[in-house]
Amino acid sequence: MAIKDLLFLLDPEGDTQPAAPFATAFADQLGAHLTAAGVVYEMLVPSGFTGDYPADIMAAISDQSRARNAAAFEAMCKAGPASLRTELVEIDSIPGEARYELACLARHFDMTIMSQPRERSGEDSLMAEAALFESGRPVLFVPRVQTRAPKFNKIVVAWDGSRTSARALADAQSLLEKAGAIDVISIADPRLGYKELPGFNITRHLSRHGVNAELKRLPMSGDIGETLLSYAADANADLLVMGAYGHSRLREFVLGGTTRTMLQSMTLPVLMSH
């Protein structure tokens, strides 16, 4: 399915939006509508509070968030292509619940674009986890060091034959059709024959869609996330496609090791699906 409706999460810090140039160019290249979402936290009075309710302070905090979102959106639009079709929406939520509101909102879009979570920001990670595991939609993470415009000359697909990797491949189909070259990476036991590799049948499937992909075998050694990033760097890849893995903990998911490594150390845009 063509990607025509994108959601972009504005950085809550507001001062800089490192992923904004990529998001606007990406939407423009695809002829897609881009909706920017900013979070506005509604402050609640703690239970048992007996003092004077500082309503003016609470309102000022929300107003500052709205002003920051508006300024970030305006800057994004001014810097983006003139043909860009976009709008601003706000997620009004109490602290701790914004991630669930984001996940619900993301279900109404083809894809969500987010900046790479800041290493020391727990809220960033929670928002990323919610978008990945609760929205049912793919998420495109843009590294904070990204300076290049979106390109699809070389795409690397991580494939292990799982449900999540199948979902990621399907979600990236329209991008794969634009690629100049595609490597399907299978990290497998070297004793397996070529036709026994997890990616053998999927390259045949892609070819039937007119997508030519080359199956590459990587050895099973060390951290899988680091292995994939190293390969992507050596191949000068423009995009990495992979399934997102997590471990269930009641209502939420905890990022799996490979997914966590990718989000912490990514050096190129990564499309993840669960």
C-alpha atoms as a PDB file:
ATOM      1  CA  MET A   1       0.000   0.000   0.000  1.00  0.00           C
ATOM      2  CA  ALA A   2       1.267   3.462  -0.864  1.00  0.00           C
ATOM      3  CA  ILE A   3       2.321   5.699   2.030  1.00  0.00           C
ATOM      4  CA  LYS A   4       0.124   8.796   1.846  1.00  0.00           C
ATOM      5  CA  ASP A   5      -0.632   9.775   5.443  1.00  0.00           C
ATOM      6  CA  LEU A   6       2.240  10.381   7.880  1.00  0.00           C
ATOM      7  CA  LEU A   7       2.403  11.332  11.558  1.00  0.00           C
ATOM      8  CA  PHE A   8       5.459  13.146  12.911  1.00  0.00           C
ATOM      9  CA  LEU A   9       6.040  13.505  16.645  1.00  0.00           C
ATOM     10  CA  LEU A  10       7.516  16.888  17.500  1.00  0.00           C
ATOM     11  CA  ASP A  11      10.433  16.760  19.901  1.00  0.00           C
ATOM     12  CA  PRO A  12       9.073  17.715  23.348  1.00  0.00           C
ATOM     13  CA  GLU A  13      12.146  19.848  24.047  1.00  0.00           C
ATOM     14  CA  GLY A  14      10.876  22.182  21.335  1.00  0.00           C
ATOM     15  CA  ASP A  15      14.125  24.085  20.750  1.00  0.00           C
ATOM     16  CA  THR A  16      15.459  21.772  18.047  1.00  0.00           C
ATOM     17  CA  GLN A  17      13.658  19.315  15.795  1.00  0.00           C
ATOM     18  CA  PRO A  18      16.474  17.171  14.366  1.00  0.00           C
ATOM     19  CA  ALA A  19      14.133  14.842  12.471  1.00  0.00           C
ATOM     20  CA  ALA A  20      11.920  17.587  11.001  1.00  0.00           C
ATOM     21  CA  PRO A  21      13.899  18.194   7.774  1.00  0.00           C
ATOM     22  CA  PHE A  22      13.929  14.467   7.083  1.00  0.00           C
ATOM     23  CA  ALA A  23      10.195  14.111   7.828  1.00  0.00           C
ATOM     24  CA  THR A  24       9.153  16.994   5.577  1.00  0.00           C
ATOM     25  CA  ALA A  25      11.369  15.859   2.693  1.00  0.00           C
ATOM     26  CA  PHE A  26      10.194  12.264   3.127  1.00  0.00           C
ATOM     27  CA  ALA A  27       6.525  13.320   2.981  1.00  0.00           C
ATOM     28  CA  ASP A  28       7.171  15.540  -0.027  1.00  0.00           C
ATOM     29  CA  GLN A  29       8.966  12.775  -1.943  1.00  0.00           C
ATOM     30  CA  LEU A  30       6.043  10.412  -1.385  1.00  0.00           C
ATOM     31  CA  GLY A  31       3.377  13.024  -2.060  1.00  0.00           C
ATOM     32  CA  ALA A  32       2.034  12.340   1.434  1.00  0.00           C
ATOM     33  CA  HIS A  33       0.210  14.510   3.969  1.00  0.00           C
ATOM     34  CA  LEU A  34       2.251  15.149   7.122  1.00  0.00           C
ATOM     35  CA  THR A  35       0.553  15.693  10.470  1.00  0.00           C
ATOM     36  CA  ALA A  36       2.787  17.042  13.231  1.00  0.00           C
ATOM     37  CA  ALA A  37       1.804  16.067  16.762  1.00  0.00           C
ATOM     38  CA  GLY A  38       2.896  17.979  19.858  1.00  0.00           C
ATOM     39  CA  VAL A  39       2.335  16.873  23.445  1.00  0.00           C
ATOM     40  CA  VAL A  40       0.629  19.219  25.931  1.00  0.00           C
ATOM     41  CA  TYR A  41       0.750  17.950  29.491  1.00  0.00           C
ATOM     42  CA  GLU A  42      -2.230  18.733  31.687  1.00  0.00           C
ATOM     43  CA  MET A  43      -1.116  19.090  35.298  1.00  0.00           C
ATOM     44  CA  LEU A  44      -3.368  17.594  37.971  1.00  0.00           C
ATOM     45  CA  VAL A  45      -3.559  18.452  41.649  1.00  0.00           C
ATOM     46  CA  PRO A  46      -2.185  15.518  43.683  1.00  0.00           C
ATOM     47  CA  SER A  47      -4.724  13.673  45.788  1.00  0.00           C
ATOM     48  CA  GLY A  48      -4.661  14.865  49.374  1.00  0.00           C
ATOM     49  CA  PHE A  49      -3.444  18.325  48.371  1.00  0.00           C
ATOM     50  CA  THR A  50      -4.834  20.833  50.898  1.00  0.00           C
ATOM     51  CA  GLY A  51      -3.116  24.094  49.973  1.00  0.00           C
ATOM     52  CA  ASP A  52      -4.167  26.764  47.505  1.00  0.00           C
ATOM     53  CA  TYR A  53      -4.509  25.342  44.021  1.00  0.00           C
ATOM     54  CA  PRO A  54      -1.979  27.146  41.767  1.00  0.00           C
ATOM     55  CA  ALA A  55      -4.312  27.231  38.777  1.00  0.00           C
ATOM     56  CA  ASP A  56      -2.403  30.049  37.089  1.00  0.00           C
ATOM     57  CA  ILE A  57       0.882  28.138  37.265  1.00  0.00           C
ATOM     58  CA  MET A  58      -0.733  24.978  35.908  1.00  0.00           C
ATOM     59  CA  ALA A  59      -2.305  26.917  33.030  1.00  0.00           C
ATOM     60  CA  ALA A  60       0.992  28.653  32.274  1.00  0.00           C
ATOM     61  CA  ILE A  61       2.767  25.285  31.917  1.00  0.00           C
ATOM     62  CA  SER A  62       0.189  24.130  29.363  1.00  0.00           C
ATOM     63  CA  ASP A  63       0.332  27.446  27.528  1.00  0.00           C
ATOM     64  CA  GLN A  64       4.100  27.212  27.264  1.00  0.00           C
ATOM     65  CA  SER A  65       3.803  23.729  25.771  1.00  0.00           C
ATOM     66  CA  ARG A  66       1.284  24.939  23.199  1.00  0.00           C
ATOM     67  CA  ALA A  67       3.476  27.908  22.280  1.00  0.00           C
ATOM     68  CA  ARG A  68       6.515  25.642  21.932  1.00  0.00           C
ATOM     69  CA  ASN A  69       4.568  23.259  19.672  1.00  0.00           C
ATOM     70  CA  ALA A  70       3.288  26.116  17.519  1.00  0.00           C
ATOM     71  CA  ALA A  71       6.779  27.586  17.135  1.00  0.00           C
ATOM     72  CA  ALA A  72       8.289  24.205  16.246  1.00  0.00           C
ATOM     73  CA  PHE A  73       5.536  23.566  13.708  1.00  0.00           C
ATOM     74  CA  GLU A  74       5.949  26.983  12.119  1.00  0.00           C
ATOM     75  CA  ALA A  75       9.708  26.520  11.834  1.00  0.00           C
ATOM     76  CA  MET A  76       9.213  23.078  10.311  1.00  0.00           C
ATOM     77  CA  CYS A  77       6.818  24.420   7.685  1.00  0.00           C
ATOM     78  CA  LYS A  78       9.063  27.373   6.775  1.00  0.00           C
ATOM     79  CA  ALA A  79      12.072  25.101   6.306  1.00  0.00           C
ATOM     80  CA  GLY A  80      10.124  22.407   4.460  1.00  0.00           C
ATOM     81  CA  PRO A  81       9.136  22.221   0.786  1.00  0.00           C
ATOM     82  CA  ALA A  82       6.556  24.786  -0.343  1.00  0.00           C
ATOM     83  CA  SER A  83       4.359  21.980  -1.690  1.00  0.00           C
ATOM     84  CA  LEU A  84       4.163  20.239   1.689  1.00  0.00           C
ATOM     85  CA  ARG A  85       0.650  19.493   2.931  1.00  0.00           C
ATOM     86  CA  THR A  86       0.626  19.511   6.712  1.00  0.00           C
ATOM     87  CA  GLU A  87      -1.220  20.400   9.912  1.00  0.00           C
ATOM     88  CA  LEU A  88      -0.615  20.507  13.654  1.00  0.00           C
ATOM     89  CA  VAL A  89      -2.503  18.422  16.206  1.00  0.00           C
ATOM     90  CA  GLU A  90      -1.918  18.319  19.954  1.00  0.00           C
ATOM     91  CA  ILE A  91      -2.018  15.433  22.375  1.00  0.00           C
ATOM     92  CA  ASP A  92      -3.547  16.703  25.606  1.00  0.00           C
ATOM     93  CA  SER A  93      -2.692  14.304  28.380  1.00  0.00           C
ATOM     94  CA  ILE A  94      -1.605  13.969  31.970  1.00  0.00           C
ATOM     95  CA  PRO A  95       2.016  12.897  32.564  1.00  0.00           C
ATOM     96  CA  GLY A  96       2.433   9.154  32.133  1.00  0.00           C
ATOM     97  CA  GLU A  97      -0.508   8.791  29.746  1.00  0.00           C
ATOM     98  CA  ALA A  98       0.738  10.685  26.689  1.00  0.00           C
ATOM     99  CA  ARG A  99       2.343   7.553  25.253  1.00  0.00           C
ATOM    100  CA  TYR A 100      -0.994   5.751  25.114  1.00  0.00           C
ATOM    101  CA  GLU A 101      -2.624   8.764  23.482  1.00  0.00           C
ATOM    102  CA  LEU A 102       0.170   8.775  20.890  1.00  0.00           C
ATOM    103  CA  ALA A 103      -0.374   5.087  20.143  1.00  0.00           C
ATOM    104  CA  CYS A 104      -4.110   5.641  19.627  1.00  0.00           C
ATOM    105  CA  LEU A 105      -3.446   8.606  17.338  1.00  0.00           C
ATOM    106  CA  ALA A 106      -0.827   6.697  15.319  1.00  0.00           C
ATOM    107  CA  ARG A 107      -3.385   4.020  14.402  1.00  0.00           C
ATOM    108  CA  HIS A 108      -4.980   6.538  12.050  1.00  0.00           C
ATOM    109  CA  PHE A 109      -1.831   6.974   9.894  1.00  0.00           C
ATOM    110  CA  ASP A 110       0.218   4.860   7.512  1.00  0.00           C
ATOM    111  CA  MET A 111       3.409   5.463   9.470  1.00  0.00           C
ATOM    112  CA  THR A 112       4.816   7.464  12.389  1.00  0.00           C
ATOM    113  CA  ILE A 113       8.135   9.309  12.135  1.00  0.00           C
ATOM    114  CA  MET A 114      10.059   9.959  15.348  1.00  0.00           C
ATOM    115  CA  SER A 115      13.487  11.186  16.351  1.00  0.00           C
ATOM    116  CA  GLN A 116      15.848   8.646  17.876  1.00  0.00           C
ATOM    117  CA  PRO A 117      15.093   8.558  21.636  1.00  0.00           C
ATOM    118  CA  ARG A 118      17.518  10.529  23.751  1.00  0.00           C
ATOM    119  CA  GLU A 119      19.738   8.168  25.704  1.00  0.00           C
ATOM    120  CA  ARG A 120      18.889   9.618  29.115  1.00  0.00           C
ATOM    121  CA  SER A 121      15.222  10.367  28.494  1.00  0.00           C
ATOM    122  CA  GLY A 122      12.893   7.756  29.942  1.00  0.00           C
ATOM    123  CA  GLU A 123       9.896   9.541  28.441  1.00  0.00           C
ATOM    124  CA  ASP A 124      11.422   9.346  24.947  1.00  0.00           C
ATOM    125  CA  SER A 125      11.816   5.581  25.296  1.00  0.00           C
ATOM    126  CA  LEU A 126       8.275   5.142  26.600  1.00  0.00           C
ATOM    127  CA  MET A 127       6.854   7.091  23.665  1.00  0.00           C
ATOM    128  CA  ALA A 128       8.900   4.975  21.253  1.00  0.00           C
ATOM    129  CA  GLU A 129       7.749   1.740  22.875  1.00  0.00           C
ATOM    130  CA  ALA A 130       4.102   2.805  22.755  1.00  0.00           C
ATOM    131  CA  ALA A 131       4.288   3.766  19.081  1.00  0.00           C
ATOM    132  CA  LEU A 132       5.990   0.480  18.241  1.00  0.00           C
ATOM    133  CA  PHE A 133       3.960  -1.979  20.272  1.00  0.00           C
ATOM    134  CA  GLU A 134       0.563  -0.334  20.713  1.00  0.00           C
ATOM    135  CA  SER A 135      -0.231   1.455  17.446  1.00  0.00           C
ATOM    136  CA  GLY A 136      -0.253  -1.477  15.042  1.00  0.00           C
ATOM    137  CA  ARG A 137       1.575   0.767  12.572  1.00  0.00           C
ATOM    138  CA  PRO A 138       5.230   1.020  11.483  1.00  0.00           C
ATOM    139  CA  VAL A 139       7.553   3.611  13.000  1.00  0.00           C
ATOM    140  CA  LEU A 140      10.401   5.287  11.130  1.00  0.00           C
ATOM    141  CA  PHE A 141      13.113   6.403  13.545  1.00  0.00           C
ATOM    142  CA  VAL A 142      15.494   9.133  12.396  1.00  0.00           C
ATOM    143  CA  PRO A 143      18.929   9.281  14.069  1.00  0.00           C
ATOM    144  CA  ARG A 144      19.799  12.548  15.785  1.00  0.00           C
ATOM    145  CA  VAL A 145      22.959  12.696  13.683  1.00  0.00           C
ATOM    146  CA  GLN A 146      20.997  12.491  10.413  1.00  0.00           C
ATOM    147  CA  THR A 147      21.909  15.217   7.927  1.00  0.00           C
ATOM    148  CA  ARG A 148      21.163  13.562   4.581  1.00  0.00           C
ATOM    149  CA  ALA A 149      17.816  13.918   2.867  1.00  0.00           C
ATOM    150  CA  PRO A 150      15.743  10.744   2.462  1.00  0.00           C
ATOM    151  CA  LYS A 151      17.142   8.432  -0.201  1.00  0.00           C
ATOM    152  CA  PHE A 152      16.316   4.894  -1.299  1.00  0.00           C
ATOM    153  CA  ASN A 153      19.413   3.980  -3.280  1.00  0.00           C
ATOM    154  CA  LYS A 154      20.239   1.106  -0.924  1.00  0.00           C
ATOM    155  CA  ILE A 155      17.882  -0.552   1.568  1.00  0.00           C
ATOM    156  CA  VAL A 156      18.888  -3.285   3.988  1.00  0.00           C
ATOM    157  CA  VAL A 157      16.199  -5.649   5.282  1.00  0.00           C
ATOM    158  CA  ALA A 158      16.833  -7.735   8.402  1.00  0.00           C
ATOM    159  CA  TRP A 159      15.032 -11.037   7.944  1.00  0.00           C
ATOM    160  CA  ASP A 160      14.753 -13.952  10.391  1.00  0.00           C
ATOM    161  CA  GLY A 161      11.506 -15.480   9.146  1.00  0.00           C
ATOM    162  CA  SER A 162       9.484 -14.237  12.124  1.00  0.00           C
ATOM    163  CA  ARG A 163       6.049 -12.602  12.165  1.00  0.00           C
ATOM    164  CA  THR A 164       7.534  -9.236  13.054  1.00  0.00           C
ATOM    165  CA  SER A 165      10.040  -9.280  10.202  1.00  0.00           C
ATOM    166  CA  ALA A 166       7.234 -10.240   7.796  1.00  0.00           C
ATOM    167  CA  ARG A 167       5.197  -7.308   9.077  1.00  0.00           C
ATOM    168  CA  ALA A 168       8.120  -4.896   8.642  1.00  0.00           C
ATOM    169  CA  LEU A 169       8.746  -6.120   5.105  1.00  0.00           C
ATOM    170  CA  ALA A 170       5.089  -5.624   4.153  1.00  0.00           C
ATOM    171  CA  ASP A 171       5.012  -2.152   5.722  1.00  0.00           C
ATOM    172  CA  ALA A 172       8.112  -1.161   3.732  1.00  0.00           C
ATOM    173  CA  GLN A 173       6.881  -2.604   0.420  1.00  0.00           C
ATOM    174  CA  SER A 174       6.240   0.735  -1.299  1.00  0.00           C
ATOM    175  CA  LEU A 175       9.701   1.973  -0.260  1.00  0.00           C
ATOM    176  CA  LEU A 176      11.368  -1.220  -1.461  1.00  0.00           C
ATOM    177  CA  GLU A 177       9.819  -0.676  -4.869  1.00  0.00           C
ATOM    178  CA  LYS A 178      11.689   2.649  -5.067  1.00  0.00           C
ATOM    179  CA  ALA A 179      15.058   1.205  -4.043  1.00  0.00           C
ATOM    180  CA  GLY A 180      18.011   0.950  -6.378  1.00  0.00           C
ATOM    181  CA  ALA A 181      19.383  -2.070  -4.510  1.00  0.00           C
ATOM    182  CA  ILE A 182      18.104  -4.239  -1.641  1.00  0.00           C
ATOM    183  CA  ASP A 183      20.064  -6.594   0.596  1.00  0.00           C
ATOM    184  CA  VAL A 184      18.090  -9.107   2.654  1.00  0.00           C
ATOM    185  CA  ILE A 185      20.269  -9.979   5.634  1.00  0.00           C
ATOM    186  CA  SER A 186      20.026 -13.395   7.238  1.00  0.00           C
ATOM    187  CA  ILE A 187      22.091 -13.995  10.368  1.00  0.00           C
ATOM    188  CA  ALA A 188      22.304 -17.762  10.432  1.00  0.00           C
ATOM    189  CA  ASP A 189      24.399 -20.811  11.175  1.00  0.00           C
ATOM    190  CA  PRO A 190      27.106 -21.053   8.483  1.00  0.00           C
ATOM    191  CA  ARG A 191      26.380 -24.770   8.155  1.00  0.00           C
ATOM    192  CA  LEU A 192      22.963 -24.049   6.629  1.00  0.00           C
ATOM    193  CA  GLY A 193      22.694 -24.355   2.861  1.00  0.00           C
ATOM    194  CA  TYR A 194      21.681 -21.315   0.828  1.00  0.00           C
ATOM    195  CA  LYS A 195      18.154 -22.639   0.243  1.00  0.00           C
ATOM    196  CA  GLU A 196      17.797 -23.310   3.970  1.00  0.00           C
ATOM    197  CA  LEU A 197      18.427 -19.689   4.949  1.00  0.00           C
ATOM    198  CA  PRO A 198      15.420 -17.846   6.438  1.00  0.00           C
ATOM    199  CA  GLY A 199      15.518 -15.278   3.631  1.00  0.00           C
ATOM    200  CA  PHE A 200      15.603 -17.620   0.626  1.00  0.00           C
ATOM    201  CA  ASN A 201      11.848 -17.756   0.022  1.00  0.00           C
ATOM    202  CA  ILE A 202      11.299 -14.076   0.801  1.00  0.00           C
ATOM    203  CA  THR A 203      13.626 -12.930  -1.975  1.00  0.00           C
ATOM    204  CA  ARG A 204      11.564 -15.035  -4.398  1.00  0.00           C
ATOM    205  CA  HIS A 205       8.416 -13.425  -3.021  1.00  0.00           C
ATOM    206  CA  LEU A 206       9.859  -9.946  -3.566  1.00  0.00           C
ATOM    207  CA  SER A 207      10.890 -10.793  -7.130  1.00  0.00           C
ATOM    208  CA  ARG A 208       7.277 -11.648  -7.940  1.00  0.00           C
ATOM    209  CA  HIS A 209       6.445  -8.059  -6.988  1.00  0.00           C
ATOM    210  CA  GLY A 210       9.119  -6.764  -9.313  1.00  0.00           C
ATOM    211  CA  VAL A 211      11.506  -6.085  -6.418  1.00  0.00           C
ATOM    212  CA  ASN A 212      14.969  -7.535  -6.935  1.00  0.00           C
ATOM    213  CA  ALA A 213      16.741  -8.305  -3.665  1.00  0.00           C
ATOM    214  CA  GLU A 214      19.993 -10.077  -2.921  1.00  0.00           C
ATOM    215  CA  LEU A 215      20.189 -12.476   0.010  1.00  0.00           C
ATOM    216  CA  LYS A 216      23.262 -12.012   2.209  1.00  0.00           C
ATOM    217  CA  ARG A 217      24.367 -14.288   5.031  1.00  0.00           C
ATOM    218  CA  LEU A 218      26.036 -12.849   8.126  1.00  0.00           C
ATOM    219  CA  PRO A 219      27.685 -14.987  10.816  1.00  0.00           C
ATOM    220  CA  MET A 220      26.068 -15.460  14.200  1.00  0.00           C
ATOM    221  CA  SER A 221      28.482 -13.536  16.403  1.00  0.00           C
ATOM    222  CA  GLY A 222      28.182 -10.794  18.999  1.00  0.00           C
ATOM    223  CA  ASP A 223      25.272  -8.387  19.261  1.00  0.00           C
ATOM    224  CA  ILE A 224      22.798  -8.705  16.368  1.00  0.00           C
ATOM    225  CA  GLY A 225      21.967  -5.002  16.423  1.00  0.00           C
ATOM    226  CA  GLU A 226      25.628  -4.011  16.164  1.00  0.00           C
ATOM    227  CA  THR A 227      26.150  -6.564  13.379  1.00  0.00           C
ATOM    228  CA  LEU A 228      23.286  -5.069  11.367  1.00  0.00           C
ATOM    229  CA  LEU A 229      24.463  -1.492  11.904  1.00  0.00           C
ATOM    230  CA  SER A 230      28.009  -2.403  10.915  1.00  0.00           C
ATOM    231  CA  TYR A 231      26.781  -4.043   7.714  1.00  0.00           C
ATOM    232  CA  ALA A 232      24.515  -1.087   6.894  1.00  0.00           C
ATOM    233  CA  ALA A 233      27.446   1.307   7.324  1.00  0.00           C
ATOM    234  CA  ASP A 234      29.747  -0.771   5.112  1.00  0.00           C
ATOM    235  CA  ALA A 235      27.011  -1.008   2.459  1.00  0.00           C
ATOM    236  CA  ASN A 236      26.343   2.749   2.625  1.00  0.00           C
ATOM    237  CA  ALA A 237      22.668   1.939   3.197  1.00  0.00           C
ATOM    238  CA  ASP A 238      20.029   4.666   3.252  1.00  0.00           C
ATOM    239  CA  LEU A 239      17.428   2.735   5.257  1.00  0.00           C
ATOM    240  CA  LEU A 240      17.248  -0.331   7.473  1.00  0.00           C
ATOM    241  CA  VAL A 241      14.007  -2.319   7.746  1.00  0.00           C
ATOM    242  CA  MET A 242      13.488  -4.679  10.680  1.00  0.00           C
ATOM    243  CA  GLY A 243      10.965  -6.141  13.075  1.00  0.00           C
ATOM    244  CA  ALA A 244      10.712  -4.678  16.573  1.00  0.00           C
ATOM    245  CA  TYR A 245      10.886  -7.159  19.427  1.00  0.00           C
ATOM    246  CA  GLY A 246       9.720  -6.768  22.999  1.00  0.00           C
ATOM    247  CA  HIS A 247       8.863  -8.673  26.124  1.00  0.00           C
ATOM    248  CA  SER A 248       5.361  -8.345  27.550  1.00  0.00           C
ATOM    249  CA  ARG A 249       4.986  -6.933  31.050  1.00  0.00           C
ATOM    250  CA  LEU A 250       1.289  -6.702  31.828  1.00  0.00           C
ATOM    251  CA  ARG A 251      -0.015  -3.675  29.892  1.00  0.00           C
ATOM    252  CA  GLU A 252       3.293  -2.649  28.357  1.00  0.00           C
ATOM    253  CA  PHE A 253       6.217  -4.051  26.404  1.00  0.00           C
ATOM    254  CA  VAL A 254       9.893  -3.842  27.270  1.00  0.00           C
ATOM    255  CA  LEU A 255      12.258  -3.437  24.328  1.00  0.00           C
ATOM    256  CA  GLY A 256      14.181  -6.526  23.299  1.00  0.00           C
ATOM    257  CA  GLY A 257      17.977  -6.439  23.197  1.00  0.00           C
ATOM    258  CA  THR A 258      18.389  -5.982  19.428  1.00  0.00           C
ATOM    259  CA  THR A 259      15.687  -3.313  19.258  1.00  0.00           C
ATOM    260  CA  ARG A 260      17.233  -1.434  22.189  1.00  0.00           C
ATOM    261  CA  THR A 261      20.696  -1.555  20.631  1.00  0.00           C
ATOM    262  CA  MET A 262      19.307  -0.227  17.366  1.00  0.00           C
ATOM    263  CA  LEU A 263      17.546   2.722  19.015  1.00  0.00           C
ATOM    264  CA  GLN A 264      20.593   3.589  21.115  1.00  0.00           C
ATOM    265  CA  SER A 265      23.237   3.295  18.395  1.00  0.00           C
ATOM    266  CA  MET A 266      21.434   3.860  15.073  1.00  0.00           C
ATOM    267  CA  THR A 267      23.382   5.714  12.405  1.00  0.00           C
ATOM    268  CA  LEU A 268      20.770   5.608   9.621  1.00  0.00           C
ATOM    269  CA  PRO A 269      16.961   5.784   9.469  1.00  0.00           C
ATOM    270  CA  VAL A 270      15.355   2.566  10.690  1.00  0.00           C
ATOM    271  CA  LEU A 271      11.830   1.431   9.859  1.00  0.00           C
ATOM    272  CA  MET A 272      10.491  -0.876  12.580  1.00  0.00           C
ATOM    273  CA  SER A 273       7.243  -2.816  12.844  1.00  0.00           C
ATOM    274  CA  HIS A 274       5.814  -5.154  15.437  1.00  0.00           C
END
